[in-house]
Protein backbone atom coordinates (compact mmCIF):
# COMPACT_ATOMS: atom_id res chain seq x y z
CA MET A 1 187.91 2.36 -79.85
CA LYS A 2 189.98 3.06 -76.75
CA ASP A 3 188.53 2.24 -73.35
CA PHE A 4 189.82 5.47 -71.87
CA HIS A 5 190.47 8.98 -73.10
CA LEU A 6 193.61 8.90 -70.95
CA ASP A 7 194.93 5.47 -70.01
CA LEU A 8 196.60 6.02 -66.63
CA GLU A 9 198.75 2.95 -67.24
CA ASP A 10 200.25 4.52 -70.36
CA LYS A 11 203.21 6.38 -68.88
CA ASN A 12 204.04 8.49 -71.93
CA SER A 13 200.45 9.62 -72.41
CA VAL A 14 200.13 10.54 -68.74
CA LEU A 15 203.37 12.53 -68.82
CA ASP A 16 202.11 14.37 -71.88
CA PHE A 17 198.93 15.18 -69.97
CA LEU A 18 200.98 16.53 -67.06
CA VAL A 19 202.77 18.89 -69.43
CA GLN A 20 199.57 20.05 -71.14
CA ALA A 21 197.43 20.43 -68.02
CA GLY A 22 200.30 21.98 -66.11
CA PHE A 23 199.91 25.09 -68.24
CA TYR A 24 196.57 25.77 -66.53
CA ALA A 25 197.84 25.01 -63.02
CA ASN A 26 198.78 27.33 -60.18
CA LYS A 27 202.48 27.68 -59.37
CA LYS A 28 202.51 24.90 -56.76
CA ASP A 29 200.75 22.30 -58.89
CA LYS A 30 202.70 23.33 -61.97
CA ALA A 31 205.95 22.75 -60.07
CA ILE A 32 204.82 19.34 -58.82
CA ALA A 33 203.91 18.25 -62.35
CA LYS A 34 207.15 19.60 -63.84
CA ASP A 35 209.30 17.92 -61.20
CA LEU A 36 207.64 14.58 -61.86
CA VAL A 37 208.07 14.92 -65.62
CA ASP A 38 211.73 15.88 -65.15
CA MET A 39 212.35 12.89 -62.88
CA CYS A 40 210.79 10.52 -65.40
CA GLU A 41 212.81 12.01 -68.24
CA SER A 42 215.94 11.50 -66.10
CA ASP A 43 215.08 7.80 -65.95
CA GLU A 44 214.31 7.85 -62.26
CA ARG A 45 212.16 4.89 -61.25
CA ILE A 46 208.73 6.36 -60.55
CA SER A 47 205.83 3.98 -60.15
CA ASN A 48 202.88 4.20 -62.52
CA GLU A 49 200.67 4.53 -59.44
CA LYS A 50 202.54 7.67 -58.37
CA ILE A 51 202.34 9.20 -61.85
CA ALA A 52 198.63 8.35 -62.13
CA HIS A 53 197.94 9.88 -58.71
CA VAL A 54 199.65 13.17 -59.63
CA ALA A 55 197.81 13.22 -62.96
CA ARG A 56 194.44 12.78 -61.28
CA GLU A 57 195.18 15.50 -58.73
CA LEU A 58 196.33 17.85 -61.48
CA ALA A 59 193.24 17.01 -63.53
CA ILE A 60 191.06 18.02 -60.59
CA SER A 61 192.90 21.24 -59.75
CA THR A 62 192.97 22.43 -63.36
CA TRP A 63 189.54 21.17 -64.36
CA PRO A 64 187.65 24.48 -63.96
CA ALA A 65 190.13 26.27 -66.23
CA ARG A 66 190.41 23.49 -68.83
CA SER A 67 186.68 22.88 -68.86
CA ALA A 68 185.90 26.58 -69.18
CA VAL A 69 188.28 26.99 -72.13
CA ASN A 70 186.87 23.84 -73.74
CA TYR A 71 183.28 25.07 -73.30
CA PHE A 72 184.17 28.52 -74.63
CA PHE A 73 185.65 27.20 -77.86
CA LYS A 74 182.98 24.55 -78.35
CA LYS A 75 179.99 26.80 -77.76
CA LYS A 76 181.05 30.38 -78.39
CA ALA A 77 184.19 30.52 -80.50
CA ALA A 78 184.30 27.37 -82.62
CA GLY A 79 184.58 29.45 -85.78
CA ASP A 80 187.44 31.54 -84.40
CA GLU A 81 189.25 28.39 -83.32
CA TRP A 82 188.97 26.94 -86.83
CA ILE A 83 190.43 30.11 -88.35
CA LYS A 84 193.32 30.29 -85.90
CA VAL A 85 194.24 26.64 -86.32
CA THR A 86 194.16 26.79 -90.13
CA GLU A 87 196.42 29.84 -89.97
CA MET A 88 198.97 27.99 -87.83
CA VAL A 89 199.12 24.53 -89.41
CA ARG A 90 201.20 23.82 -92.49
CA PRO A 91 199.63 25.11 -95.73
CA ALA A 92 199.11 21.57 -97.01
CA THR A 93 197.22 20.62 -93.84
CA ALA A 94 195.13 23.79 -94.03
CA THR A 95 194.20 22.89 -97.62
CA LEU A 96 193.07 19.43 -96.51
CA MET A 97 191.01 20.99 -93.74
CA HIS A 98 189.23 23.37 -96.11
CA ARG A 99 188.52 20.58 -98.60
CA PHE A 100 187.16 18.33 -95.86
CA ARG A 101 185.04 21.14 -94.49
CA LYS A 102 183.50 21.71 -97.89
CA GLY A 103 183.06 18.03 -98.76
CA ALA A 104 182.02 16.58 -95.39
CA GLY A 105 180.37 19.63 -93.89
CA ALA A 106 182.71 19.60 -90.89
CA ARG A 107 182.56 23.24 -89.85
CA THR A 108 184.30 22.95 -86.47
CA LEU A 109 187.42 21.18 -85.27
CA ASP A 110 185.32 18.84 -83.16
CA SER A 111 183.19 17.77 -86.10
CA LEU A 112 186.32 17.31 -88.20
CA LEU A 113 188.29 15.31 -85.62
CA GLU A 114 185.28 13.17 -84.69
CA HIS A 115 184.12 12.56 -88.25
CA PRO A 116 184.02 8.84 -89.14
CA ASP A 117 185.68 9.51 -92.51
CA ILE A 118 188.59 11.59 -91.25
CA GLY A 119 191.02 8.73 -91.87
CA ASP A 120 190.20 8.80 -95.57
CA SER A 121 191.42 12.39 -95.97
CA PHE A 122 194.02 12.87 -93.24
CA GLY A 123 197.03 10.87 -92.19
CA ASP A 124 198.06 10.40 -88.57
CA LYS A 125 200.67 13.13 -89.01
CA GLU A 126 198.11 15.72 -90.07
CA ILE A 127 195.63 14.74 -87.36
CA LEU A 128 198.32 15.02 -84.68
CA GLU A 129 199.38 18.38 -86.10
CA ILE A 130 195.83 19.74 -85.88
CA GLN A 131 195.44 18.46 -82.34
CA GLU A 132 198.74 19.96 -81.19
CA VAL A 133 198.11 23.34 -82.83
CA ARG A 134 194.65 23.39 -81.25
CA LYS A 135 196.20 22.87 -77.83
CA ASN A 136 198.56 25.78 -78.46
CA VAL A 137 195.70 28.03 -79.59
CA ARG A 138 193.82 27.29 -76.38
CA LYS A 139 196.87 27.76 -74.19
CA ASP A 140 197.59 31.09 -75.87
CA PHE A 141 194.01 32.16 -75.20
CA TRP A 142 194.30 31.17 -71.54
CA ASP A 143 197.60 32.97 -71.21
CA LYS A 144 196.39 36.23 -72.73
CA GLU A 145 192.61 36.37 -72.42
CA LYS A 146 191.52 34.20 -69.49
CA SER A 147 189.98 37.22 -67.77
CA THR A 148 187.23 37.15 -70.40
CA ILE A 149 185.94 33.82 -69.09
CA LYS A 150 186.49 34.28 -65.36
CA GLU A 151 182.75 33.90 -64.64
CA LEU A 152 182.68 30.69 -66.62
CA VAL A 153 185.62 29.39 -64.59
CA LYS A 154 183.68 30.14 -61.40
CA GLU A 155 180.70 28.19 -62.71
CA GLN A 156 182.92 25.25 -63.61
CA THR A 157 184.46 25.34 -60.14
CA LYS A 158 180.98 24.82 -58.66
CA ASP A 159 180.29 22.00 -61.12
CA LEU A 160 183.57 20.33 -60.16
CA GLU A 161 182.54 20.25 -56.51
CA GLU A 162 179.34 18.44 -57.45
CA TYR A 163 181.28 15.87 -59.44
CA LYS A 164 183.79 15.37 -56.62
CA LYS A 165 181.00 14.72 -54.09
CA ARG A 166 179.55 12.00 -56.28
CA PHE A 167 182.90 10.42 -57.11
CA GLU A 168 183.75 10.19 -53.43
CA LYS A 169 180.34 8.72 -52.64
CA LEU A 170 180.84 5.99 -55.23
CA ARG A 171 184.34 5.33 -53.89
CA GLU A 172 182.93 5.08 -50.37
CA LEU A 173 180.17 2.71 -51.48
CA ALA A 174 182.67 0.43 -53.20
CA THR A 175 184.35 -0.40 -49.90
CA VAL A 176 181.28 -2.20 -48.48
CA PHE A 177 181.00 -4.82 -51.21
CA GLU A 178 182.65 -8.15 -51.85
CA PRO A 179 185.51 -8.08 -54.43
CA VAL A 180 183.40 -8.77 -57.53
CA ILE A 181 180.93 -5.93 -56.92
CA GLN A 182 183.69 -3.72 -55.57
CA ASP A 183 185.64 -4.11 -58.82
CA GLU A 184 182.49 -3.28 -60.76
CA VAL A 185 181.98 -0.01 -58.84
CA TYR A 186 185.65 0.97 -59.16
CA SER A 187 185.54 0.25 -62.88
CA LYS A 188 182.50 2.46 -63.37
CA LEU A 189 184.09 5.17 -61.24
CA ARG A 190 187.28 5.05 -63.30
CA HIS A 191 185.29 5.46 -66.51
CA PHE A 192 183.26 8.34 -65.10
CA GLU A 193 186.38 10.11 -63.85
CA ASP A 194 188.06 9.58 -67.20
CA ARG A 195 185.12 11.09 -69.06
CA VAL A 196 184.83 14.09 -66.75
CA LEU A 197 188.34 14.83 -65.50
CA PHE A 198 190.36 13.99 -68.59
CA LYS A 199 187.99 14.09 -71.55
CA LEU A 200 186.16 17.13 -70.12
CA GLU A 201 182.81 15.54 -70.88
CA LEU A 202 179.99 17.14 -68.90
CA VAL A 203 178.38 13.93 -67.71
CA SER A 204 174.89 14.48 -66.32
CA LEU A 205 174.86 14.53 -62.53
CA GLU A 206 171.62 12.58 -62.70
CA ILE A 207 173.50 9.65 -64.23
CA LEU A 208 175.91 9.62 -61.32
CA ASP A 209 173.07 9.95 -58.85
CA GLU A 210 171.37 6.92 -60.39
CA GLU A 211 174.55 4.87 -59.92
CA ILE A 212 174.83 6.02 -56.31
CA LEU A 213 171.20 5.12 -55.66
CA TYR A 214 171.60 1.71 -57.28
CA TYR A 215 174.63 0.74 -55.18
CA THR A 216 173.13 2.24 -52.05
CA GLU A 217 170.16 -0.08 -52.52
CA GLN A 218 172.47 -2.99 -53.31
CA LYS A 219 174.26 -2.35 -50.05
CA GLU A 220 171.07 -3.20 -48.18
CA ILE A 221 170.72 -6.56 -49.95
CA PRO A 222 172.38 -9.53 -48.18
CA PRO A 223 175.63 -10.58 -49.99
CA GLU A 224 174.26 -14.02 -50.80
CA ARG A 225 171.56 -12.37 -52.90
CA TRP A 226 173.83 -10.02 -54.90
CA GLY A 227 173.62 -10.66 -58.62
């Protein structure tokens, strides 16, 4: 099991994210992402830190749109998504999907892709094909029908602000600790940001608040008593 949904030290994966998320970006952010991808493809020496920074900024700016589309297809149009994807993948892959749906009871793409037995029925090639076609289905929806979820995007924009406040608070708290505890806070923050910003997981705000409370209380404890 991977530690992160998107490993910011994996250059190729991050560049792929820039391309995918860039579709949901405004003109300015889209241009920034495209320029960076073009520079990397031209073999210009760009630090991983720079690429990771742009990826995080793009993840934040596009999060309301990506999260809204993700929520829409998970909660309201999972059946439609299945139909569209099976229509667009190769016939052989569609046949495998229908067989797996019948045999394993996986009635949505999420349940199929997250099923523990998926590797027994699908090869890496077929799994990647399903994932890529799914991305295209969602991008096509955003391109042509995003007005239908504009209220959902507004709601997600508000949710993003709440996440950002808590991420910044954790980042601020990290600075007051000695290196060992500081690394611990930064590690937790990185995992939370990965789950929310890149995986689009709607982590409970209460969980983040508990972490903030814990480290706020730890801050009041003399360093010699930490741990």
